[in-house]
Protein backbone atom coordinates (compact mmCIF):
# COMPACT_ATOMS: atom_id res chain seq x y z
CA MET A 1 -138.29 -153.12 -131.57
CA ARG A 2 -138.66 -149.36 -131.18
CA VAL A 3 -136.65 -146.67 -132.91
CA TYR A 4 -136.66 -142.92 -132.47
CA ILE A 5 -136.78 -140.55 -135.44
CA VAL A 6 -136.04 -136.83 -135.17
CA GLU A 7 -138.17 -134.29 -137.04
CA TYR A 8 -136.91 -130.73 -137.47
CA ARG A 9 -139.63 -128.15 -138.24
CA HIS A 10 -139.26 -124.49 -139.05
CA TYR A 11 -141.62 -121.84 -140.30
CA ASN A 12 -140.78 -120.71 -143.82
CA ARG A 13 -142.16 -117.25 -144.46
CA SER A 14 -141.68 -117.51 -148.24
CA VAL A 15 -144.21 -120.37 -148.43
CA ALA A 16 -146.19 -119.15 -145.41
CA GLY A 17 -146.10 -122.54 -143.74
CA TRP A 18 -144.18 -125.09 -141.73
CA VAL A 19 -141.45 -127.15 -143.40
CA SER A 20 -140.33 -130.46 -141.88
CA LYS A 21 -137.24 -132.59 -142.34
CA LEU A 22 -136.84 -136.09 -140.92
CA SER A 23 -133.53 -137.48 -139.76
CA GLN A 24 -131.96 -140.00 -142.11
CA GLU A 25 -131.06 -142.21 -139.15
CA GLY A 26 -133.13 -143.84 -136.47
CA TYR A 27 -131.88 -144.08 -132.89
CA THR A 28 -132.30 -147.16 -130.72
CA THR A 29 -132.82 -145.21 -127.49
CA ILE A 30 -134.61 -142.00 -126.58
CA GLN A 31 -131.39 -140.82 -124.93
CA ALA A 32 -129.47 -141.16 -128.23
CA ALA A 33 -132.13 -139.17 -130.08
CA GLN A 34 -132.10 -136.50 -127.36
CA ALA A 35 -128.30 -136.30 -127.51
CA TYR A 36 -128.52 -135.72 -131.27
CA VAL A 37 -131.05 -132.88 -130.82
CA GLU A 38 -129.05 -131.32 -127.98
CA SER A 39 -125.89 -131.31 -130.14
CA ARG A 40 -127.44 -129.06 -132.80
CA ALA A 41 -125.83 -125.65 -133.37
CA ASN A 42 -129.04 -123.70 -132.65
CA GLU A 43 -129.01 -125.04 -129.05
CA PRO A 44 -132.61 -126.24 -128.66
CA SER A 45 -134.04 -126.36 -125.16
CA LYS A 46 -135.92 -129.36 -123.86
CA GLN A 47 -139.63 -128.75 -123.31
CA THR A 48 -140.71 -132.40 -122.90
CA GLU A 49 -139.08 -135.79 -123.46
CA PHE A 50 -140.11 -135.65 -127.11
CA TYR A 51 -140.17 -131.91 -127.91
CA TYR A 52 -137.43 -129.28 -128.10
CA GLN A 53 -137.62 -125.65 -129.13
CA ALA A 54 -134.68 -123.76 -130.61
CA LEU A 55 -136.15 -120.43 -131.66
CA PRO A 56 -139.80 -119.39 -131.64
CA LEU A 57 -140.26 -120.82 -135.12
CA GLU A 58 -137.83 -123.78 -134.94
CA GLU A 59 -138.77 -127.07 -133.29
CA TYR A 60 -137.55 -130.62 -132.92
CA TYR A 61 -139.88 -133.55 -132.34
CA ILE A 62 -138.76 -137.05 -131.48
CA HIS A 63 -141.12 -139.72 -132.81
CA GLU A 64 -141.19 -143.22 -131.37
CA VAL A 65 -141.77 -145.81 -134.11
CA MET A 66 -142.52 -149.51 -133.61
CA ILE A 67 -140.71 -151.82 -136.03
CA ARG A 68 -142.52 -155.12 -136.42
CA GLU A 69 -140.46 -158.09 -137.44
CA ALA A 70 -142.08 -160.65 -139.71
């Protein structure tokens, strides 16, 4: 089974580095993950299937994760 996790990254000038946050939910399809990203208030634009850019220092990555069942 595959799930899709969304990572939001932004550059934080106060720590002079990138800060990431991962979504608390996984999505069962890439389309569901993309719909979540596209619904964000900062209106990110699609660069690739797995990468969106909102502002020059704000990004969204969609990570595909394999869940192995025992």
